[in-house]
Protein backbone atom coordinates (compact mmCIF):
# COMPACT_ATOMS: atom_id res chain seq x y z
CA MET A 1 8.99 -21.37 -4.95
CA SER A 2 8.46 -18.88 -3.27
CA THR A 3 4.65 -18.12 -3.06
CA TYR A 4 2.23 -14.88 -1.82
CA GLU A 5 -0.47 -12.93 -2.26
CA ILE A 6 -1.95 -9.55 -2.43
CA ARG A 7 -4.84 -8.02 -1.37
CA SER A 8 -5.91 -5.69 -4.40
CA GLY A 9 -8.34 -4.77 -4.72
CA SER A 10 -10.43 -2.85 -7.95
CA ARG A 11 -7.87 -0.79 -10.06
CA ALA A 12 -11.24 0.92 -11.99
CA ALA A 13 -13.09 1.59 -8.76
CA PHE A 14 -10.62 2.35 -7.10
CA ILE A 15 -9.25 5.15 -9.76
CA ALA A 16 -13.00 6.82 -10.17
CA GLY A 17 -13.17 6.85 -6.53
CA LEU A 18 -10.35 8.87 -6.15
CA ARG A 19 -11.88 11.31 -8.84
CA GLU A 20 -14.72 11.47 -7.61
CA LEU A 21 -13.35 12.16 -3.95
CA ALA A 22 -10.44 15.31 -5.76
CA ASP A 23 -14.65 16.68 -7.53
CA PHE A 24 -15.80 16.43 -3.92
CA LEU A 25 -13.85 18.14 -2.58
CA THR A 26 -12.83 20.48 -5.38
CA ALA A 27 -16.63 21.68 -5.29
CA ASN A 28 -17.42 21.66 -1.48
CA PRO A 29 -14.12 24.12 0.16
CA SER A 30 -15.44 23.84 3.31
CA VAL A 31 -15.52 20.30 3.98
CA LEU A 32 -12.21 19.50 6.07
CA VAL A 33 -9.57 17.28 4.36
CA PRO A 34 -6.69 15.68 6.89
CA ARG A 35 -2.99 16.21 7.11
CA ASN A 36 -1.53 13.14 5.32
CA ALA A 37 -3.44 10.20 3.87
CA SER A 38 -2.16 6.98 3.31
CA PHE A 39 -3.46 4.12 0.92
CA GLY A 40 -1.39 0.58 1.22
CA VAL A 41 -1.84 -2.73 -0.23
CA PHE A 42 -1.46 -5.53 1.86
CA VAL A 43 0.98 -8.72 1.31
CA ASP A 44 0.60 -12.38 2.89
CA ALA A 45 2.64 -15.37 3.41
CA ALA A 46 3.93 -17.45 5.28
CA ASP A 47 7.13 -16.92 5.21
CA SER A 48 10.51 -13.75 5.20
CA THR A 49 10.99 -15.00 1.51
CA ALA A 50 8.09 -14.53 0.50
CA ARG A 51 6.68 -11.52 2.18
CA ARG A 52 9.87 -9.67 1.17
CA GLU A 53 9.12 -10.90 -3.33
CA GLY A 54 5.32 -9.92 -2.87
CA ALA A 55 6.23 -6.44 -1.37
CA GLU A 56 9.41 -5.40 -4.84
CA HIS A 57 6.20 -7.20 -6.88
CA VAL A 58 4.47 -4.04 -5.58
CA ALA A 59 7.38 -1.87 -5.24
CA ALA A 60 8.91 -1.60 -8.03
CA PRO A 61 6.54 -0.12 -10.09
CA LEU A 62 6.73 2.81 -7.87
CA GLY A 63 10.14 3.28 -8.59
CA VAL A 64 10.76 2.82 -4.41
CA PRO A 65 12.60 0.61 -2.18
CA VAL A 66 11.49 -2.23 0.23
CA GLU A 67 12.68 -1.75 3.76
CA ASP A 68 13.31 -4.93 5.66
CA LEU A 69 11.35 -3.65 8.99
CA GLY A 70 12.63 -6.16 11.61
CA GLU A 71 10.92 -9.54 12.63
CA GLY A 72 9.35 -10.58 8.56
CA TYR A 73 7.03 -7.21 8.37
CA TYR A 74 8.16 -4.36 5.35
CA ASP A 75 7.30 -1.96 3.89
CA ALA A 76 8.05 0.10 1.14
CA ARG A 77 5.96 3.77 0.18
CA ARG A 78 6.10 6.72 -2.37
CA ALA A 79 4.57 10.21 -1.07
CA PHE A 80 2.54 11.86 -4.04
CA GLY A 81 2.25 15.26 -1.40
CA PRO A 82 0.60 14.60 1.34
CA ILE A 83 -1.02 11.52 0.29
CA ALA A 84 1.10 8.04 0.21
CA TYR A 85 0.59 4.16 -1.84
CA SER A 86 2.38 2.03 0.33
CA VAL A 87 2.79 -1.84 0.38
CA VAL A 88 3.02 -4.06 3.58
CA ALA A 89 3.88 -7.49 3.97
CA ILE A 90 3.51 -9.40 7.26
CA PRO A 91 4.34 -12.10 8.98
CA PRO A 92 0.83 -13.87 10.15
CA LYS A 93 -0.57 -13.65 13.53
CA GLU A 94 1.40 -16.89 14.62
CA GLN A 95 4.14 -15.13 13.94
CA GLN A 96 3.63 -11.91 15.33
């Protein structure tokens, strides 16, 4: 059985922060916004199979495929307008 670790945060705090940001930007139209933004969840695992399994676990509810970038790197992302939600799996430093 493969083992992976998903580096994720507090769901409630993240969603509350997004709402707070949206409310702030709505109330302050003079504040510039970025052209694009991205949020990501990272997957750590010692072997490539586990990294892919972890990335697929996160990507499945997003409804997007995992892309093999080669050399043990995996990526999946879903766009919400100019904002992307991504999952990234990278090999341990000694394998990079």
